[in-house]
Amino acid sequence: MECLYEVIESIDGNYAIFEVPLSSGDIVYMKASHCYNGLFQWYVVIVDRVKFFELWAKDPSAEENKLATGGLKEWEADYKYNLAATGFSKGYENPVPLPTMICDYNSEKCEDYVSINNGITRTIWLASKGAEFIPVLCRERDGAKKLHELVGINGDSIRQLVELI
C-alpha cells in the first residue's frame, strides 16, 4: 500500500504509520490506530486529494464542505488551522490521526458524496501544503470500496484496517 510507512506493535495497541509528502519536499506522518478495530469495518483508502475535494463538495449535510471548494485563504482562516500545523509538526514520533469519513449516495441528486466525520482541518491543512494524496479511514466496506473506485490513487490504495494492524 502506497504511503504505508510502518506498522507499530505496542502494548497500547497496534497502529499503522503513513507518510505524506508535501509540495515543499517535507514529509508529514499520520496514523490509523487499533482503537478503530472492531467498530464498523474501517478501511484505509489513499485518495487523490483533488478528486476527493470534488467529491467532498457534494456533501449535502455539512457547512464545512464549502472548504472543499475554497483555497489557501479560506483554509488558513479555519479556526483550528494552526492546531493542525502544530499537530503535524510533531513528526514521526507523534503522527496525527487519519481523518474519518463515510462515502454515501445522495438519492435526491443521484450522486455519490463523502462526509468527513473527524479531521476536516487536518485535511485542508494537507491540501494547503500541496499534498497530492491523503490517507483516510472510511467506515463500512461498501462506502470504502465506492470511495476507492471514485478517488483512490491506484488499485492498491484500499485495505481493511484489521489487515494492516
N, C-alpha and C. Protein backbone atom coordinates (compact mmCIF):
# COMPACT_ATOMS: atom_id res chain seq x y z
N MET A 1 0.86 -1.18 0.00
CA MET A 1 0.00 0.00 0.00
C MET A 1 0.89 1.23 0.00
N GLU A 2 0.69 2.09 -1.00
CA GLU A 2 1.48 3.30 -1.12
C GLU A 2 1.30 4.19 0.11
N CYS A 3 2.37 4.75 0.55
CA CYS A 3 2.50 5.68 1.67
C CYS A 3 2.41 5.01 3.04
N LEU A 4 2.18 3.68 3.10
CA LEU A 4 2.26 2.99 4.38
C LEU A 4 3.73 2.92 4.75
N TYR A 5 4.08 3.53 5.85
CA TYR A 5 5.48 3.61 6.25
C TYR A 5 5.88 2.46 7.15
N GLU A 6 5.03 2.18 8.15
CA GLU A 6 5.40 1.18 9.13
C GLU A 6 4.18 0.78 9.95
N VAL A 7 4.18 -0.45 10.45
CA VAL A 7 3.17 -0.89 11.41
C VAL A 7 3.89 -1.09 12.74
N ILE A 8 3.37 -0.45 13.76
CA ILE A 8 3.97 -0.49 15.09
C ILE A 8 3.15 -1.40 15.99
N GLU A 9 3.81 -2.35 16.62
CA GLU A 9 3.16 -3.19 17.61
C GLU A 9 3.51 -2.63 18.98
N SER A 10 2.47 -2.32 19.75
CA SER A 10 2.67 -1.65 21.02
C SER A 10 1.80 -2.29 22.09
N ILE A 11 2.20 -2.15 23.33
CA ILE A 11 1.39 -2.64 24.44
C ILE A 11 0.05 -1.90 24.49
N ASP A 12 0.05 -0.68 23.98
CA ASP A 12 -1.18 0.13 23.93
C ASP A 12 -2.04 -0.20 22.73
N GLY A 13 -1.55 -1.05 21.86
CA GLY A 13 -2.28 -1.42 20.65
C GLY A 13 -1.48 -1.10 19.41
N ASN A 14 -1.75 -1.83 18.36
CA ASN A 14 -1.03 -1.65 17.11
C ASN A 14 -1.55 -0.45 16.33
N TYR A 15 -0.67 0.14 15.53
CA TYR A 15 -1.10 1.21 14.65
C TYR A 15 -0.22 1.26 13.41
N ALA A 16 -0.79 1.77 12.35
CA ALA A 16 -0.08 1.92 11.08
C ALA A 16 0.31 3.38 10.91
N ILE A 17 1.54 3.60 10.49
CA ILE A 17 2.02 4.96 10.23
C ILE A 17 2.13 5.16 8.72
N PHE A 18 1.62 6.28 8.27
CA PHE A 18 1.65 6.65 6.86
C PHE A 18 2.48 7.92 6.70
N GLU A 19 3.21 8.00 5.59
CA GLU A 19 3.94 9.23 5.31
C GLU A 19 3.30 9.91 4.11
N VAL A 20 3.16 11.23 4.23
CA VAL A 20 2.52 12.02 3.18
C VAL A 20 3.50 13.11 2.75
N PRO A 21 3.96 13.06 1.50
CA PRO A 21 4.86 14.11 1.02
C PRO A 21 4.09 15.40 0.71
N LEU A 22 4.72 16.52 1.02
CA LEU A 22 4.15 17.83 0.73
C LEU A 22 4.90 18.45 -0.45
N SER A 23 4.32 19.48 -1.05
CA SER A 23 4.96 20.09 -2.22
C SER A 23 6.31 20.71 -1.89
N SER A 24 6.55 21.04 -0.63
CA SER A 24 7.82 21.62 -0.19
C SER A 24 8.94 20.58 -0.16
N GLY A 25 8.58 19.30 -0.27
CA GLY A 25 9.54 18.23 -0.13
C GLY A 25 9.55 17.64 1.27
N ASP A 26 8.90 18.31 2.21
CA ASP A 26 8.78 17.78 3.57
C ASP A 26 7.84 16.58 3.58
N ILE A 27 7.97 15.77 4.62
CA ILE A 27 7.11 14.61 4.83
C ILE A 27 6.40 14.80 6.16
N VAL A 28 5.09 14.52 6.20
CA VAL A 28 4.36 14.50 7.47
C VAL A 28 3.85 13.09 7.70
N TYR A 29 3.56 12.79 8.96
CA TYR A 29 3.19 11.43 9.35
C TYR A 29 1.80 11.40 9.95
N MET A 30 1.07 10.34 9.59
CA MET A 30 -0.29 10.14 10.07
C MET A 30 -0.42 8.69 10.54
N LYS A 31 -1.45 8.42 11.35
CA LYS A 31 -1.60 7.05 11.84
C LYS A 31 -3.05 6.62 11.86
N ALA A 32 -3.22 5.31 11.76
CA ALA A 32 -4.51 4.65 11.96
C ALA A 32 -4.27 3.68 13.11
N SER A 33 -5.04 3.84 14.17
CA SER A 33 -4.74 3.06 15.36
C SER A 33 -5.75 1.96 15.62
N HIS A 34 -5.39 1.12 16.55
CA HIS A 34 -6.20 -0.03 16.93
C HIS A 34 -7.56 0.38 17.48
N CYS A 35 -7.72 1.60 17.94
CA CYS A 35 -8.99 1.99 18.56
C CYS A 35 -10.15 1.89 17.58
N TYR A 36 -9.86 1.85 16.28
CA TYR A 36 -10.93 1.72 15.30
C TYR A 36 -11.24 0.26 14.98
N ASN A 37 -10.39 -0.66 15.42
CA ASN A 37 -10.67 -2.08 15.20
C ASN A 37 -11.94 -2.47 15.92
N GLY A 38 -12.76 -3.27 15.28
CA GLY A 38 -13.96 -3.76 15.93
C GLY A 38 -15.15 -2.82 15.81
N LEU A 39 -14.91 -1.57 15.51
CA LEU A 39 -16.01 -0.64 15.30
C LEU A 39 -16.25 -0.54 13.80
N PHE A 40 -17.43 -0.93 13.38
CA PHE A 40 -17.74 -0.95 11.96
C PHE A 40 -16.72 -1.82 11.23
N GLN A 41 -16.52 -1.56 9.98
CA GLN A 41 -15.48 -2.22 9.18
C GLN A 41 -14.63 -1.11 8.59
N TRP A 42 -13.71 -0.60 9.35
CA TRP A 42 -12.89 0.53 8.90
C TRP A 42 -11.91 0.10 7.82
N TYR A 43 -11.79 0.94 6.81
CA TYR A 43 -10.86 0.73 5.71
C TYR A 43 -9.97 1.95 5.57
N VAL A 44 -8.71 1.72 5.27
CA VAL A 44 -7.81 2.80 4.89
C VAL A 44 -7.89 2.92 3.37
N VAL A 45 -8.12 4.13 2.90
CA VAL A 45 -8.15 4.41 1.46
C VAL A 45 -7.19 5.58 1.21
N ILE A 46 -6.30 5.42 0.26
CA ILE A 46 -5.41 6.52 -0.13
C ILE A 46 -6.09 7.24 -1.29
N VAL A 47 -6.49 8.49 -1.04
CA VAL A 47 -7.29 9.21 -2.03
C VAL A 47 -6.48 10.30 -2.74
N ASP A 48 -6.83 10.52 -3.98
CA ASP A 48 -6.31 11.64 -4.75
C ASP A 48 -6.94 12.90 -4.17
N ARG A 49 -6.12 13.83 -3.72
CA ARG A 49 -6.64 14.99 -3.00
C ARG A 49 -7.60 15.84 -3.85
N VAL A 50 -7.29 16.09 -5.09
CA VAL A 50 -8.14 16.94 -5.92
C VAL A 50 -9.49 16.26 -6.16
N LYS A 51 -9.48 15.00 -6.56
CA LYS A 51 -10.73 14.28 -6.79
C LYS A 51 -11.54 14.14 -5.50
N PHE A 52 -10.83 13.92 -4.39
CA PHE A 52 -11.50 13.80 -3.10
C PHE A 52 -12.25 15.09 -2.75
N PHE A 53 -11.61 16.24 -2.96
CA PHE A 53 -12.25 17.51 -2.63
C PHE A 53 -13.49 17.74 -3.51
N GLU A 54 -13.44 17.30 -4.76
CA GLU A 54 -14.61 17.41 -5.63
C GLU A 54 -15.77 16.57 -5.08
N LEU A 55 -15.47 15.40 -4.58
CA LEU A 55 -16.49 14.53 -4.00
C LEU A 55 -17.00 15.09 -2.68
N TRP A 56 -16.11 15.63 -1.87
CA TRP A 56 -16.48 16.22 -0.58
C TRP A 56 -17.39 17.43 -0.78
N ALA A 57 -17.18 18.19 -1.84
CA ALA A 57 -18.00 19.38 -2.12
C ALA A 57 -19.47 19.01 -2.33
N LYS A 58 -19.75 17.75 -2.62
CA LYS A 58 -21.13 17.31 -2.86
C LYS A 58 -21.86 16.89 -1.59
N ASP A 59 -21.20 16.94 -0.43
CA ASP A 59 -21.83 16.54 0.84
C ASP A 59 -23.04 17.43 1.10
N PRO A 60 -24.24 16.85 1.13
CA PRO A 60 -25.45 17.67 1.30
C PRO A 60 -25.73 18.09 2.74
N SER A 61 -24.99 17.56 3.69
CA SER A 61 -25.38 17.77 5.08
C SER A 61 -24.42 18.60 5.91
N ALA A 62 -23.39 19.17 5.32
CA ALA A 62 -22.40 19.87 6.13
C ALA A 62 -22.04 21.22 5.53
N GLU A 63 -21.91 22.20 6.42
CA GLU A 63 -21.44 23.52 6.01
C GLU A 63 -19.95 23.50 5.69
N GLU A 64 -19.22 22.63 6.39
CA GLU A 64 -17.77 22.58 6.23
C GLU A 64 -17.35 22.18 4.82
N ASN A 65 -18.25 21.55 4.08
CA ASN A 65 -17.86 21.10 2.74
C ASN A 65 -17.54 22.29 1.82
N LYS A 66 -17.92 23.49 2.22
CA LYS A 66 -17.55 24.68 1.44
C LYS A 66 -16.03 24.84 1.38
N LEU A 67 -15.36 24.28 2.38
CA LEU A 67 -13.90 24.32 2.37
C LEU A 67 -13.33 23.51 1.21
N ALA A 68 -14.10 22.56 0.71
CA ALA A 68 -13.65 21.73 -0.41
C ALA A 68 -13.47 22.56 -1.68
N THR A 69 -14.23 23.62 -1.81
CA THR A 69 -14.12 24.48 -2.99
C THR A 69 -13.35 25.76 -2.69
N GLY A 70 -12.87 25.87 -1.46
CA GLY A 70 -12.10 27.04 -1.06
C GLY A 70 -10.66 26.95 -1.54
N GLY A 71 -9.90 27.89 -1.08
CA GLY A 71 -8.48 27.92 -1.42
C GLY A 71 -7.66 28.24 -0.18
N LEU A 72 -6.42 28.55 -0.40
CA LEU A 72 -5.49 28.78 0.69
C LEU A 72 -6.01 29.82 1.69
N LYS A 73 -6.60 30.89 1.21
CA LYS A 73 -7.10 31.94 2.10
C LYS A 73 -8.16 31.39 3.05
N GLU A 74 -9.11 30.64 2.52
CA GLU A 74 -10.18 30.07 3.35
C GLU A 74 -9.63 29.00 4.30
N TRP A 75 -8.72 28.19 3.80
CA TRP A 75 -8.17 27.11 4.62
C TRP A 75 -7.39 27.68 5.80
N GLU A 76 -6.53 28.66 5.53
CA GLU A 76 -5.73 29.24 6.60
C GLU A 76 -6.57 30.03 7.60
N ALA A 77 -7.77 30.44 7.20
CA ALA A 77 -8.67 31.17 8.11
C ALA A 77 -9.45 30.23 9.03
N ASP A 78 -9.39 28.93 8.78
CA ASP A 78 -10.09 27.97 9.63
C ASP A 78 -9.60 28.13 11.07
N TYR A 79 -10.53 28.12 12.01
CA TYR A 79 -10.19 28.41 13.40
C TYR A 79 -9.25 27.38 14.04
N LYS A 80 -9.13 26.20 13.46
CA LYS A 80 -8.21 25.20 14.02
C LYS A 80 -6.99 24.95 13.13
N TYR A 81 -6.80 25.77 12.13
CA TYR A 81 -5.70 25.56 11.18
C TYR A 81 -4.35 25.50 11.88
N ASN A 82 -4.10 26.43 12.79
CA ASN A 82 -2.81 26.45 13.49
C ASN A 82 -2.62 25.23 14.37
N LEU A 83 -3.72 24.68 14.89
CA LEU A 83 -3.62 23.46 15.70
C LEU A 83 -3.18 22.28 14.82
N ALA A 84 -3.68 22.24 13.60
CA ALA A 84 -3.26 21.18 12.67
C ALA A 84 -1.77 21.32 12.37
N ALA A 85 -1.33 22.55 12.14
CA ALA A 85 0.10 22.78 11.87
C ALA A 85 0.94 22.29 13.04
N THR A 86 0.51 22.59 14.25
CA THR A 86 1.22 22.13 15.44
C THR A 86 1.22 20.61 15.52
N GLY A 87 0.08 20.00 15.25
CA GLY A 87 -0.01 18.54 15.29
C GLY A 87 0.93 17.88 14.30
N PHE A 88 0.93 18.37 13.07
CA PHE A 88 1.79 17.78 12.05
C PHE A 88 3.27 18.03 12.34
N SER A 89 3.58 19.09 13.07
CA SER A 89 4.99 19.41 13.36
C SER A 89 5.65 18.40 14.29
N LYS A 90 4.87 17.56 14.94
CA LYS A 90 5.43 16.57 15.88
C LYS A 90 6.13 15.43 15.15
N GLY A 91 5.84 15.27 13.86
CA GLY A 91 6.55 14.31 13.04
C GLY A 91 6.26 12.85 13.35
N TYR A 92 7.22 12.02 13.02
CA TYR A 92 7.10 10.57 13.16
C TYR A 92 6.83 10.15 14.61
N GLU A 93 7.39 10.87 15.55
CA GLU A 93 7.25 10.50 16.97
C GLU A 93 5.82 10.61 17.48
N ASN A 94 5.02 11.44 16.86
CA ASN A 94 3.63 11.62 17.29
C ASN A 94 2.76 11.92 16.07
N PRO A 95 2.53 10.91 15.21
CA PRO A 95 1.75 11.15 13.99
C PRO A 95 0.30 11.51 14.30
N VAL A 96 -0.29 12.30 13.43
CA VAL A 96 -1.68 12.71 13.63
C VAL A 96 -2.62 11.63 13.11
N PRO A 97 -3.81 11.52 13.68
CA PRO A 97 -4.76 10.51 13.22
C PRO A 97 -5.26 10.78 11.80
N LEU A 98 -5.53 9.70 11.08
CA LEU A 98 -6.15 9.83 9.77
C LEU A 98 -7.55 10.42 9.93
N PRO A 99 -7.99 11.25 8.99
CA PRO A 99 -9.38 11.72 9.04
C PRO A 99 -10.33 10.54 8.83
N THR A 100 -11.49 10.62 9.45
CA THR A 100 -12.50 9.57 9.30
C THR A 100 -13.69 10.11 8.53
N MET A 101 -14.32 9.23 7.76
CA MET A 101 -15.41 9.68 6.89
C MET A 101 -16.30 8.54 6.46
N ILE A 102 -17.38 8.93 5.81
CA ILE A 102 -18.24 7.96 5.14
C ILE A 102 -18.38 8.39 3.68
N CYS A 103 -18.56 7.43 2.82
CA CYS A 103 -18.88 7.70 1.42
C CYS A 103 -20.28 7.16 1.22
N ASP A 104 -21.17 7.99 0.71
CA ASP A 104 -22.57 7.62 0.62
C ASP A 104 -23.16 8.13 -0.70
N TYR A 105 -24.45 7.88 -0.86
CA TYR A 105 -25.15 8.25 -2.09
C TYR A 105 -26.30 9.19 -1.75
N ASN A 106 -26.38 10.31 -2.45
CA ASN A 106 -27.46 11.27 -2.28
C ASN A 106 -28.54 10.94 -3.32
N SER A 107 -29.62 10.32 -2.87
CA SER A 107 -30.66 9.87 -3.80
C SER A 107 -31.42 11.04 -4.43
N GLU A 108 -31.49 12.18 -3.74
CA GLU A 108 -32.18 13.35 -4.31
C GLU A 108 -31.43 13.89 -5.52
N LYS A 109 -30.10 13.93 -5.44
CA LYS A 109 -29.29 14.46 -6.53
C LYS A 109 -28.68 13.37 -7.40
N CYS A 110 -28.92 12.12 -7.03
CA CYS A 110 -28.39 10.97 -7.77
C CYS A 110 -26.87 11.07 -7.95
N GLU A 111 -26.18 11.29 -6.82
CA GLU A 111 -24.72 11.38 -6.89
C GLU A 111 -24.08 10.89 -5.59
N ASP A 112 -22.88 10.39 -5.72
CA ASP A 112 -22.10 9.98 -4.56
C ASP A 112 -21.49 11.21 -3.91
N TYR A 113 -21.19 11.09 -2.62
CA TYR A 113 -20.52 12.16 -1.89
C TYR A 113 -19.74 11.56 -0.74
N VAL A 114 -18.86 12.36 -0.16
CA VAL A 114 -18.14 11.95 1.04
C VAL A 114 -18.41 12.99 2.12
N SER A 115 -18.53 12.51 3.35
CA SER A 115 -18.74 13.38 4.51
C SER A 115 -17.64 13.08 5.52
N ILE A 116 -16.90 14.11 5.92
CA ILE A 116 -15.82 13.94 6.88
C ILE A 116 -16.40 14.03 8.29
N ASN A 117 -16.21 12.96 9.07
CA ASN A 117 -16.69 12.94 10.45
C ASN A 117 -15.71 13.62 11.40
N ASN A 118 -14.43 13.40 11.16
CA ASN A 118 -13.40 13.91 12.05
C ASN A 118 -12.14 14.12 11.21
N GLY A 119 -11.58 15.31 11.27
CA GLY A 119 -10.33 15.55 10.56
C GLY A 119 -10.42 16.56 9.43
N ILE A 120 -11.43 17.41 9.46
CA ILE A 120 -11.57 18.42 8.41
C ILE A 120 -10.34 19.32 8.35
N THR A 121 -9.92 19.83 9.49
CA THR A 121 -8.79 20.76 9.49
C THR A 121 -7.50 20.08 9.06
N ARG A 122 -7.30 18.84 9.47
CA ARG A 122 -6.12 18.10 9.01
C ARG A 122 -6.14 17.96 7.49
N THR A 123 -7.32 17.71 6.96
CA THR A 123 -7.47 17.52 5.52
C THR A 123 -7.16 18.80 4.76
N ILE A 124 -7.70 19.93 5.21
CA ILE A 124 -7.42 21.19 4.50
C ILE A 124 -5.98 21.65 4.71
N TRP A 125 -5.41 21.32 5.86
CA TRP A 125 -4.00 21.66 6.09
C TRP A 125 -3.13 20.93 5.07
N LEU A 126 -3.39 19.64 4.87
CA LEU A 126 -2.64 18.87 3.87
C LEU A 126 -2.81 19.47 2.48
N ALA A 127 -4.04 19.87 2.15
CA ALA A 127 -4.29 20.50 0.85
C ALA A 127 -3.50 21.79 0.72
N SER A 128 -3.48 22.58 1.78
CA SER A 128 -2.77 23.87 1.74
C SER A 128 -1.27 23.70 1.56
N LYS A 129 -0.77 22.54 1.92
CA LYS A 129 0.66 22.26 1.80
C LYS A 129 0.99 21.44 0.56
N GLY A 130 -0.01 21.27 -0.31
CA GLY A 130 0.24 20.64 -1.61
C GLY A 130 0.33 19.13 -1.61
N ALA A 131 -0.26 18.47 -0.61
CA ALA A 131 -0.28 17.00 -0.62
C ALA A 131 -1.09 16.54 -1.83
N GLU A 132 -0.54 15.60 -2.59
CA GLU A 132 -1.25 15.08 -3.76
C GLU A 132 -2.21 13.97 -3.39
N PHE A 133 -1.94 13.29 -2.29
CA PHE A 133 -2.84 12.23 -1.82
C PHE A 133 -2.95 12.29 -0.31
N ILE A 134 -4.03 11.72 0.20
CA ILE A 134 -4.30 11.73 1.64
C ILE A 134 -4.79 10.35 2.05
N PRO A 135 -4.17 9.74 3.06
CA PRO A 135 -4.73 8.50 3.60
C PRO A 135 -5.90 8.83 4.52
N VAL A 136 -7.00 8.12 4.36
CA VAL A 136 -8.20 8.38 5.18
C VAL A 136 -8.75 7.05 5.69
N LEU A 137 -9.56 7.14 6.73
CA LEU A 137 -10.29 5.98 7.23
C LEU A 137 -11.74 6.12 6.81
N CYS A 138 -12.27 5.11 6.17
CA CYS A 138 -13.66 5.13 5.73
C CYS A 138 -14.41 4.00 6.41
N ARG A 139 -15.58 4.33 6.90
CA ARG A 139 -16.39 3.38 7.65
C ARG A 139 -17.21 2.53 6.69
N GLU A 140 -17.20 1.26 6.90
CA GLU A 140 -18.01 0.27 6.19
C GLU A 140 -17.46 -0.07 4.81
N ARG A 141 -17.51 -1.34 4.50
CA ARG A 141 -16.91 -1.88 3.28
C ARG A 141 -17.45 -1.24 2.00
N ASP A 142 -18.76 -1.18 1.86
CA ASP A 142 -19.33 -0.67 0.60
C ASP A 142 -18.93 0.77 0.34
N GLY A 143 -19.00 1.60 1.38
CA GLY A 143 -18.60 3.00 1.22
C GLY A 143 -17.13 3.15 0.90
N ALA A 144 -16.30 2.34 1.56
CA ALA A 144 -14.87 2.39 1.31
C ALA A 144 -14.55 1.96 -0.12
N LYS A 145 -15.21 0.92 -0.58
CA LYS A 145 -14.98 0.46 -1.95
C LYS A 145 -15.42 1.51 -2.97
N LYS A 146 -16.54 2.17 -2.69
CA LYS A 146 -17.01 3.23 -3.58
C LYS A 146 -16.02 4.41 -3.56
N LEU A 147 -15.56 4.78 -2.37
CA LEU A 147 -14.58 5.87 -2.26
C LEU A 147 -13.32 5.52 -3.06
N HIS A 148 -12.85 4.30 -2.91
CA HIS A 148 -11.67 3.85 -3.65
C HIS A 148 -11.91 3.91 -5.15
N GLU A 149 -13.06 3.43 -5.58
CA GLU A 149 -13.40 3.44 -7.00
C GLU A 149 -13.42 4.87 -7.56
N LEU A 150 -13.96 5.80 -6.79
CA LEU A 150 -14.14 7.17 -7.27
C LEU A 150 -12.88 8.01 -7.18
N VAL A 151 -12.11 7.88 -6.09
CA VAL A 151 -11.00 8.81 -5.87
C VAL A 151 -9.72 8.15 -5.37
N GLY A 152 -9.67 6.82 -5.33
CA GLY A 152 -8.45 6.13 -4.92
C GLY A 152 -7.32 6.39 -5.90
N ILE A 153 -6.08 6.39 -5.40
CA ILE A 153 -4.96 6.74 -6.28
C ILE A 153 -4.52 5.60 -7.19
N ASN A 154 -4.77 4.36 -6.78
CA ASN A 154 -4.42 3.22 -7.63
C ASN A 154 -5.12 1.97 -7.11
N GLY A 155 -4.87 0.85 -7.75
CA GLY A 155 -5.55 -0.39 -7.38
C GLY A 155 -5.19 -0.92 -6.01
N ASP A 156 -4.04 -0.50 -5.48
CA ASP A 156 -3.59 -0.98 -4.17
C ASP A 156 -3.82 0.07 -3.08
N SER A 157 -4.75 0.98 -3.28
CA SER A 157 -4.92 2.08 -2.32
C SER A 157 -6.08 1.87 -1.37
N ILE A 158 -6.48 0.63 -1.14
CA ILE A 158 -7.53 0.33 -0.16
C ILE A 158 -7.13 -0.92 0.61
N ARG A 159 -7.33 -0.88 1.91
CA ARG A 159 -7.02 -2.03 2.75
C ARG A 159 -7.86 -1.95 4.02
N GLN A 160 -8.42 -3.07 4.43
CA GLN A 160 -9.16 -3.10 5.69
C GLN A 160 -8.16 -2.89 6.83
N LEU A 161 -8.53 -2.06 7.79
CA LEU A 161 -7.62 -1.70 8.87
C LEU A 161 -7.11 -2.94 9.62
N VAL A 162 -7.98 -3.90 9.87
CA VAL A 162 -7.54 -5.09 10.61
C VAL A 162 -6.48 -5.87 9.84
N GLU A 163 -6.45 -5.76 8.53
CA GLU A 163 -5.40 -6.42 7.74
C GLU A 163 -4.05 -5.75 7.92
N LEU A 164 -4.08 -4.45 8.18
CA LEU A 164 -2.83 -3.70 8.31
C LEU A 164 -2.21 -3.86 9.69
N ILE A 165 -3.06 -3.85 10.71
CA ILE A 165 -2.51 -3.83 12.06
C ILE A 165 -2.87 -5.09 12.82
